[in-house]
Amino acid sequence: MTVSAITPSEVRRMLLLREEIALLDLRHEAEFATGHPLFAANMAANRIELEAAARLPRKNVPIVLYDTGEGLVGPAAETFAASGYTDVRELDGGLAAWKAAGLELFEDVNSYAKAFGELVESRRHTPSLPAGDVATLIANKADIAILDVRRPDEYATMNIPGSISVPGAELVLRAGRVAPDRQTTIVVNCAGRTRSIIGTQSLINAGIANRVVALRNGTIGWTLASQELEHGADRHGEIGLFEGAKANARDVAYRAGVRHLSVEEASVLQAQPHRTLYRFDVRASEEYAAGHIEGFRHYPGGQLVQEIDMAAPVRGARLLLTDNMSVRADMTASWLAQMGFETYVLEGGYDRATLEVGPGEVVPRLDAAHRYRRPYEGTDVDTKAMQAYLDWEFGLVEQLRRDATHGFFVI
């Protein structure tokens, strides 16, 4: 099969002009993490048949494939064509040509979400405390609530002693119950930096009266400070809004340029064949399984912000979020809009006679042999890898400046 080529400069132009493009790295995730363009998404060649339908819902979306000379592009293009995709090209010269053109390569995974988090902190001066200070507050039995915004399984593996699991998008919805006293200081933590920065700034943006700080560098910083972690915890924050939370969340979304659509208005978006529309239900997994609107994939809001390149690899696509309580969708949408996506929130839709029940479609996990091992995963400690990871994150704002394609803004 002959695959037409597109140059690195043409890809860059498409990114700058916000044209739709799925720039796909065909290597395994571990190789992808060694370096890739900012808005490249990883779809290993041997996983196209598993992932394409969910991750690339529009069959005529422009797809650009690349590798590093392994010969993956030709067979991958044939697989896409056999699956009905009609606009598949290859990056002329592959990744080497991108680098030779003087364009930036970003390491790790979820790179542009992490870079965005660093940009938020640098522009909003998101407050944080180092591990030693938080450990002292715990030891002194200070009036604090430590909210862990990671996935529940990450929290169960290891957590800051005494912390409560409140996954990212749930913060504004549950903080009023977890910390009802305005005098309580809320400490937000994740594994590293991004989710705690976004979580802390979410509560601040939504106008909570409490003092809110991030645990600087998350469980990595905690480990590097030689503090002990707890294992097997099962404490979860209950739903409870603080005063004004719902209206404030909607205002935050409005300021970020998010638009609310009725079911009828949203159907018009869905019917437009020339644009990619991703539809995500950002609630907790048990809520989704109990009943969800047909056609909406489950992706918890906090993880959606962190993993948007995995969830929606088409840069320039539209996003439509739903949440029966609206708060989680509004806060999640506010961040995705700031990351450059045309983002909408669905109004209503849960009063239908029949909602779909069940966990929905799940993309099979990556083969462990080809998966990139995050430095903050698990319970083993590699301090050099952890420090190197933090050093990399600290440099992302400057790398964004050099790359100059991101189009992010911060409200």
Protein backbone atom coordinates (compact mmCIF):
# COMPACT_ATOMS: atom_id res chain seq x y z
CA MET A 1 0.00 0.00 0.00
CA THR A 2 1.34 3.44 -0.97
CA VAL A 3 0.96 5.99 1.82
CA SER A 4 1.13 9.69 0.98
CA ALA A 5 3.55 11.74 3.03
CA ILE A 6 3.17 14.95 4.98
CA THR A 7 6.13 17.04 6.14
CA PRO A 8 6.87 18.05 9.72
CA SER A 9 6.24 21.70 8.81
CA GLU A 10 2.79 20.84 7.43
CA VAL A 11 1.92 18.94 10.63
CA ARG A 12 3.09 21.90 12.68
CA ARG A 13 0.90 24.21 10.59
CA MET A 14 -2.15 22.01 11.23
CA LEU A 15 -1.47 22.12 14.96
CA LEU A 16 -1.04 25.89 14.98
CA LEU A 17 -4.26 26.43 13.02
CA ARG A 18 -6.22 24.04 15.28
CA GLU A 19 -7.07 21.78 12.36
CA GLU A 20 -8.03 18.25 13.31
CA ILE A 21 -5.13 15.81 13.26
CA ALA A 22 -4.32 12.51 14.94
CA LEU A 23 -0.52 12.34 15.03
CA LEU A 24 0.12 8.73 16.04
CA ASP A 25 3.33 7.18 17.33
CA LEU A 26 3.26 3.50 16.35
CA ARG A 27 5.93 2.34 18.77
CA HIS A 28 5.22 0.65 22.07
CA GLU A 29 4.55 2.98 25.00
CA ALA A 30 7.98 2.47 26.56
CA GLU A 31 9.64 3.69 23.35
CA PHE A 32 7.10 6.48 22.90
CA ALA A 33 8.07 7.80 26.34
CA THR A 34 11.69 8.33 25.22
CA GLY A 35 10.65 11.25 23.01
CA HIS A 36 7.80 12.41 20.75
CA PRO A 37 6.13 15.61 19.45
CA LEU A 38 4.03 17.43 22.04
CA PHE A 39 0.65 16.47 20.59
CA ALA A 40 1.55 12.99 19.39
CA ALA A 41 -0.52 10.17 20.83
CA ASN A 42 0.69 6.64 21.31
CA MET A 43 -1.13 3.87 19.45
CA ALA A 44 1.19 0.89 19.09
CA ALA A 45 0.90 -0.77 15.69
CA ASN A 46 -0.24 -4.06 17.19
CA ARG A 47 -3.07 -2.35 19.10
CA ILE A 48 -4.76 -0.45 16.27
CA GLU A 49 -7.57 -2.97 15.92
CA LEU A 50 -8.13 -2.86 19.71
CA GLU A 51 -8.10 0.92 20.11
CA ALA A 52 -8.96 2.74 16.90
CA ALA A 53 -12.76 2.56 17.09
CA ALA A 54 -12.88 4.08 20.58
CA ARG A 55 -10.06 6.58 20.20
CA LEU A 56 -10.67 7.68 16.59
CA PRO A 57 -14.47 7.79 16.19
CA ARG A 58 -14.49 9.69 12.85
CA LYS A 59 -13.41 7.51 9.94
CA ASN A 60 -12.31 10.43 7.73
CA VAL A 61 -10.20 12.19 10.37
CA PRO A 62 -6.70 13.12 9.16
CA ILE A 63 -4.30 10.52 10.61
CA VAL A 64 -0.52 10.91 10.45
CA LEU A 65 1.61 7.90 11.34
CA TYR A 66 5.28 7.75 12.25
CA ASP A 67 7.94 5.46 13.65
CA THR A 68 11.73 5.60 13.92
CA GLY A 69 12.53 3.41 10.96
CA GLU A 70 11.11 0.12 12.24
CA GLY A 71 8.87 -0.31 9.19
CA LEU A 72 5.65 0.03 11.16
CA VAL A 73 3.93 2.65 9.02
CA GLY A 74 3.04 0.59 5.93
CA PRO A 75 1.34 -2.30 7.74
CA ALA A 76 -0.35 0.11 10.16
CA ALA A 77 -1.76 2.15 7.27
CA GLU A 78 -3.17 -1.04 5.77
CA THR A 79 -4.80 -1.91 9.10
CA PHE A 80 -6.40 1.54 9.29
CA ALA A 81 -7.60 1.29 5.69
CA ALA A 82 -9.11 -2.14 6.33
CA SER A 83 -10.95 -0.62 9.31
CA GLY A 84 -12.50 2.07 7.10
CA TYR A 85 -10.21 5.05 7.74
CA THR A 86 -9.84 7.12 4.58
CA ASP A 87 -7.25 9.84 5.28
CA VAL A 88 -4.05 8.14 6.45
CA ARG A 89 -0.63 9.65 5.79
CA GLU A 90 2.89 9.16 7.07
CA LEU A 91 5.19 11.74 8.58
CA ASP A 92 7.81 12.26 5.89
CA GLY A 93 11.12 11.04 7.30
CA GLY A 94 9.56 9.84 10.55
CA LEU A 95 10.59 11.03 13.96
CA ALA A 96 14.15 11.68 12.78
CA ALA A 97 12.85 14.28 10.32
CA TRP A 98 10.85 15.99 13.08
CA LYS A 99 14.01 16.26 15.15
CA ALA A 100 16.15 17.30 12.18
CA ALA A 101 13.73 20.16 11.51
CA GLY A 102 14.61 21.54 14.94
CA LEU A 103 11.23 20.73 16.43
CA GLU A 104 10.80 19.76 20.08
CA LEU A 105 10.60 16.22 21.41
CA PHE A 106 8.85 15.66 24.73
CA GLU A 107 9.65 12.71 26.97
CA ASP A 108 7.35 10.64 29.19
CA VAL A 109 3.60 10.04 28.74
CA ASN A 110 0.65 12.44 29.07
CA SER A 111 3.27 15.08 28.37
CA TYR A 112 1.11 17.96 27.29
CA ALA A 113 -1.27 17.60 30.23
CA LYS A 114 1.71 17.62 32.57
CA ALA A 115 3.19 20.61 30.77
CA PHE A 116 -0.16 22.38 31.08
CA GLY A 117 -0.19 21.69 34.84
CA GLU A 118 3.23 23.27 35.18
CA LEU A 119 2.01 26.28 33.18
CA VAL A 120 -0.97 26.66 35.52
CA GLU A 121 1.28 26.64 38.57
CA SER A 122 3.69 29.15 37.05
CA ARG A 123 0.92 31.58 36.05
CA ARG A 124 -1.41 31.20 39.02
CA HIS A 125 1.30 30.59 41.65
CA THR A 126 -0.68 27.63 42.95
CA PRO A 127 0.22 27.32 46.67
CA SER A 128 2.02 24.24 47.92
CA LEU A 129 3.80 22.89 50.97
CA PRO A 130 6.85 20.59 51.02
CA ALA A 131 6.56 17.12 52.49
CA GLY A 132 8.36 18.07 55.70
CA ASP A 133 5.88 20.84 56.49
CA VAL A 134 2.89 18.56 55.88
CA ALA A 135 4.47 15.83 58.02
CA THR A 136 4.85 18.37 60.83
CA LEU A 137 1.19 19.37 60.54
CA ILE A 138 0.19 15.70 60.79
CA ALA A 139 2.46 15.14 63.80
CA ASN A 140 1.05 18.21 65.55
CA LYS A 141 -2.52 17.06 64.85
CA ALA A 142 -3.24 20.29 63.01
CA ASP A 143 -6.69 20.95 61.55
CA ILE A 144 -6.00 19.62 58.07
CA ALA A 145 -7.69 17.33 55.55
CA ILE A 146 -5.43 15.55 53.08
CA LEU A 147 -7.29 14.73 49.88
CA ASP A 148 -5.72 12.22 47.49
CA VAL A 149 -6.86 12.96 43.93
CA ARG A 150 -5.43 9.88 42.22
CA ARG A 151 -7.39 6.89 41.00
CA PRO A 152 -8.81 4.77 43.86
CA ASP A 153 -6.49 1.87 42.98
CA GLU A 154 -3.45 4.15 43.21
CA TYR A 155 -4.64 5.38 46.59
CA ALA A 156 -5.14 1.83 47.88
CA THR A 157 -1.59 0.92 46.86
CA MET A 158 0.02 3.64 48.94
CA ASN A 159 -1.06 6.97 50.35
CA ILE A 160 -0.10 9.79 52.69
CA PRO A 161 -1.03 8.70 56.24
CA GLY A 162 -4.54 9.83 57.17
CA SER A 163 -5.44 10.98 53.67
CA ILE A 164 -8.86 10.46 52.08
CA SER A 165 -9.48 9.35 48.50
CA VAL A 166 -11.27 12.08 46.51
CA PRO A 167 -10.41 11.58 42.80
CA GLY A 168 -9.70 14.85 41.01
CA ALA A 169 -13.03 15.80 39.44
CA GLU A 170 -14.82 14.92 42.69
CA LEU A 171 -13.04 17.61 44.72
CA VAL A 172 -15.48 20.47 44.28
CA LEU A 173 -18.40 18.05 44.67
CA ARG A 174 -17.14 16.51 47.93
CA ALA A 175 -14.91 19.06 49.69
CA GLY A 176 -17.85 20.56 51.60
CA ARG A 177 -18.44 17.22 53.32
CA VAL A 178 -14.79 16.28 53.79
CA ALA A 179 -13.81 19.67 55.23
CA PRO A 180 -17.01 21.36 56.45
CA ASP A 181 -15.15 23.75 58.77
CA ARG A 182 -13.77 26.71 56.84
CA GLN A 183 -10.80 26.80 59.21
CA THR A 184 -9.61 23.38 58.03
CA THR A 185 -6.62 23.54 55.70
CA ILE A 186 -7.04 21.26 52.68
CA VAL A 187 -3.91 19.56 51.37
CA VAL A 188 -4.27 18.05 47.90
CA ASN A 189 -1.89 15.34 46.80
CA CYS A 190 -1.25 13.09 43.82
CA ALA A 191 1.70 10.94 42.86
CA GLY A 192 3.78 13.74 41.42
CA ARG A 193 2.67 17.24 40.50
CA THR A 194 0.03 17.60 37.78
CA ARG A 195 -3.13 16.29 39.42
CA SER A 196 -2.39 18.02 42.73
CA ILE A 197 -1.76 21.35 40.98
CA ILE A 198 -4.98 21.05 38.96
CA GLY A 199 -6.92 19.82 42.02
CA THR A 200 -5.68 22.61 44.27
CA GLN A 201 -6.34 25.25 41.65
CA SER A 202 -9.80 23.77 40.99
CA LEU A 203 -10.87 24.35 44.59
CA ILE A 204 -9.38 27.84 44.51
CA ASN A 205 -11.04 28.67 41.19
CA ALA A 206 -14.37 27.39 42.53
CA GLY A 207 -14.13 29.77 45.48
CA ILE A 208 -13.88 27.45 48.47
CA ALA A 209 -13.38 29.40 51.69
CA ASN A 210 -10.77 27.04 53.11
CA ARG A 211 -7.07 27.48 52.69
CA VAL A 212 -5.96 25.00 49.99
CA VAL A 213 -2.42 23.87 49.24
CA ALA A 214 -0.85 21.12 47.16
CA LEU A 215 1.55 18.62 48.67
CA ARG A 216 4.60 19.66 46.72
CA ASN A 217 5.72 16.84 44.40
CA GLY A 218 3.12 14.42 45.82
CA THR A 219 4.02 10.94 46.99
CA ILE A 220 7.34 11.29 45.14
CA GLY A 221 8.26 14.30 47.26
CA TRP A 222 7.00 12.47 50.35
CA THR A 223 9.23 9.49 49.57
CA LEU A 224 12.27 11.62 48.76
CA ALA A 225 11.80 13.33 52.14
CA SER A 226 12.05 9.87 53.79
CA GLN A 227 8.48 9.97 55.08
CA GLU A 228 6.47 6.79 55.59
CA LEU A 229 3.51 5.88 53.40
CA GLU A 230 0.35 4.05 54.40
CA HIS A 231 -0.83 0.98 52.46
CA GLY A 232 -4.26 -0.53 51.88
CA ALA A 233 -6.30 2.46 53.03
CA ASP A 234 -10.03 2.56 52.25
CA ARG A 235 -11.24 6.04 53.20
CA HIS A 236 -13.41 7.81 50.65
CA GLY A 237 -14.91 11.28 50.66
CA GLU A 238 -18.70 11.53 50.55
CA ILE A 239 -20.67 13.95 48.38
CA GLY A 240 -21.21 17.34 49.95
CA LEU A 241 -21.05 20.74 48.25
CA PHE A 242 -19.60 23.79 49.94
CA GLU A 243 -21.61 27.00 49.72
CA GLY A 244 -21.87 28.31 46.18
CA ALA A 245 -19.94 25.40 44.68
CA LYS A 246 -22.36 24.52 41.88
CA ALA A 247 -22.86 28.09 40.66
CA ASN A 248 -19.16 28.82 41.01
CA ALA A 249 -18.19 25.73 39.00
CA ARG A 250 -20.48 26.83 36.19
CA ASP A 251 -18.95 30.30 36.28
CA VAL A 252 -15.44 28.83 36.09
CA ALA A 253 -16.49 26.86 33.00
CA TYR A 254 -18.07 29.97 31.48
CA ARG A 255 -14.88 31.98 32.00
CA ALA A 256 -12.91 29.25 30.24
CA GLY A 257 -15.23 29.42 27.21
CA VAL A 258 -17.22 26.24 27.85
CA ARG A 259 -20.73 26.16 26.42
CA HIS A 260 -23.73 24.25 27.79
CA LEU A 261 -25.92 22.42 25.28
CA SER A 262 -29.36 20.86 25.47
CA VAL A 263 -29.82 17.29 24.28
CA GLU A 264 -31.26 18.60 21.03
CA GLU A 265 -28.39 21.04 20.49
CA ALA A 266 -25.83 18.33 21.26
CA SER A 267 -27.40 16.06 18.66
CA VAL A 268 -26.52 18.64 16.02
CA LEU A 269 -22.84 18.36 16.97
CA GLN A 270 -23.03 14.60 16.80
CA ALA A 271 -24.55 14.72 13.32
CA GLN A 272 -21.79 16.84 11.77
CA PRO A 273 -19.58 14.46 9.73
CA HIS A 274 -16.67 16.86 9.24
CA ARG A 275 -15.71 17.16 12.91
CA THR A 276 -14.63 14.66 15.56
CA LEU A 277 -16.79 14.63 18.67
CA TYR A 278 -15.70 12.81 21.83
CA ARG A 279 -18.40 12.20 24.42
CA PHE A 280 -17.32 11.48 27.99
CA ASP A 281 -19.21 10.75 31.21
CA VAL A 282 -16.92 12.12 33.93
CA ARG A 283 -18.69 10.68 36.99
CA ALA A 284 -17.44 7.94 39.30
CA SER A 285 -17.38 4.43 37.84
CA GLU A 286 -20.18 3.10 40.05
CA GLU A 287 -22.48 5.94 38.98
CA TYR A 288 -21.75 5.31 35.33
CA ALA A 289 -22.37 1.58 35.67
CA ALA A 290 -25.70 2.23 37.40
CA GLY A 291 -27.02 4.16 34.42
CA HIS A 292 -25.48 6.35 31.71
CA ILE A 293 -26.53 8.14 28.55
CA GLU A 294 -26.01 6.07 25.43
CA GLY A 295 -22.85 6.83 23.48
CA PHE A 296 -20.89 8.39 26.34
CA ARG A 297 -17.64 6.66 27.32
CA HIS A 298 -16.67 6.61 30.96
CA TYR A 299 -13.61 8.64 31.90
CA PRO A 300 -13.40 10.13 35.43
CA GLY A 301 -12.82 13.86 35.13
CA GLY A 302 -9.49 14.11 36.92
CA GLN A 303 -8.01 11.30 34.87
CA LEU A 304 -9.47 12.76 31.69
CA VAL A 305 -7.51 15.97 32.20
CA GLN A 306 -4.34 14.01 32.99
CA GLU A 307 -4.76 11.50 30.14
CA ILE A 308 -6.45 13.56 27.45
CA ASP A 309 -3.93 12.44 24.82
CA MET A 310 -4.98 8.84 25.50
CA ALA A 311 -8.70 9.56 25.70
CA ALA A 312 -8.95 12.00 22.77
CA PRO A 313 -5.90 11.72 20.49
CA VAL A 314 -7.40 13.93 17.78
CA ARG A 315 -6.00 17.38 18.42
CA GLY A 316 -8.58 19.98 17.39
CA ALA A 317 -11.52 17.70 18.19
CA ARG A 318 -14.64 18.72 20.08
CA LEU A 319 -15.40 17.38 23.56
CA LEU A 320 -18.85 16.92 25.10
CA LEU A 321 -18.99 16.08 28.81
CA THR A 322 -21.88 14.89 30.93
CA ASP A 323 -22.50 14.65 34.68
CA ASN A 324 -25.92 14.45 36.33
CA MET A 325 -24.74 16.87 39.03
CA SER A 326 -22.97 19.18 36.53
CA VAL A 327 -20.17 20.23 38.92
CA ARG A 328 -17.70 17.60 37.78
CA ALA A 329 -18.39 18.23 34.10
CA ASP A 330 -18.07 22.00 34.53
CA MET A 331 -14.74 21.80 36.38
CA THR A 332 -13.31 19.19 34.02
CA ALA A 333 -14.49 21.11 30.97
CA SER A 334 -12.91 24.31 32.28
CA TRP A 335 -9.46 22.69 32.21
CA LEU A 336 -9.90 21.00 28.83
CA ALA A 337 -11.00 24.30 27.31
CA GLN A 338 -7.89 25.97 28.68
CA MET A 339 -5.89 23.20 27.02
CA GLY A 340 -7.23 24.32 23.66
CA PHE A 341 -10.19 22.01 23.09
CA GLU A 342 -13.60 23.20 21.91
CA THR A 343 -15.47 21.94 24.95
CA TYR A 344 -19.17 21.57 25.78
CA VAL A 345 -21.23 20.34 28.73
CA LEU A 346 -24.50 18.50 28.17
CA GLU A 347 -27.50 19.88 30.05
CA GLY A 348 -29.72 17.11 31.37
CA GLY A 349 -30.41 13.90 29.51
CA TYR A 350 -30.72 11.73 32.62
CA ASP A 351 -34.52 11.87 32.67
CA ARG A 352 -34.79 9.44 29.79
CA ALA A 353 -36.96 6.39 30.29
CA THR A 354 -34.00 4.05 29.75
CA LEU A 355 -30.33 4.61 30.50
CA GLU A 356 -27.65 2.12 29.57
CA VAL A 357 -26.45 0.01 32.49
CA GLY A 358 -23.03 -1.53 32.90
CA PRO A 359 -19.36 -0.51 32.86
CA GLY A 360 -19.27 0.17 29.12
CA GLU A 361 -16.49 -0.56 26.65
CA VAL A 362 -13.04 -0.95 28.15
CA VAL A 363 -9.89 -0.86 26.01
CA PRO A 364 -7.65 -3.83 26.96
CA ARG A 365 -4.64 -2.99 29.09
CA LEU A 366 -1.20 -2.66 27.58
CA ASP A 367 1.14 -5.62 27.65
CA ALA A 368 3.31 -5.10 30.73
CA ALA A 369 6.45 -5.88 28.71
CA HIS A 370 5.86 -2.81 26.50
CA ARG A 371 4.34 -0.44 29.04
CA TYR A 372 6.24 2.59 30.30
CA ARG A 373 6.87 2.26 34.00
CA ARG A 374 6.00 5.56 35.70
CA PRO A 375 8.55 6.52 38.41
CA TYR A 376 5.74 7.07 40.94
CA GLU A 377 4.03 3.70 40.50
CA GLY A 378 3.97 0.85 42.96
CA THR A 379 5.69 0.62 46.30
CA ASP A 380 9.32 0.17 45.31
CA VAL A 381 11.57 3.23 45.59
CA ASP A 382 14.02 4.41 42.92
CA THR A 383 15.03 7.82 44.23
CA LYS A 384 17.19 8.69 41.22
CA ALA A 385 14.30 8.00 38.83
CA MET A 386 11.92 9.99 41.02
CA GLN A 387 14.22 13.01 41.15
CA ALA A 388 14.88 12.84 37.42
CA TYR A 389 11.14 12.80 36.81
CA LEU A 390 10.65 15.94 38.93
CA ASP A 391 13.54 17.68 37.19
CA TRP A 392 11.91 16.89 33.85
CA GLU A 393 8.59 18.34 34.96
CA PHE A 394 10.25 21.53 36.21
CA GLY A 395 11.58 22.13 32.68
CA LEU A 396 8.29 21.71 30.84
CA VAL A 397 7.20 25.37 30.85
CA GLU A 398 10.37 26.40 29.06
CA GLN A 399 9.98 23.51 26.62
CA LEU A 400 6.43 24.64 25.87
CA ARG A 401 7.79 28.08 25.07
CA ARG A 402 10.33 26.64 22.63
CA ASP A 403 7.76 24.39 20.96
CA ALA A 404 5.18 27.20 20.63
CA THR A 405 2.32 25.06 19.28
CA HIS A 406 0.31 24.51 22.45
CA GLY A 407 -2.28 27.32 22.40
CA PHE A 408 -2.94 26.89 26.15
CA PHE A 409 -4.34 29.71 28.26
CA VAL A 410 -4.91 29.99 32.00
CA ILE A 411 -7.89 31.80 33.52
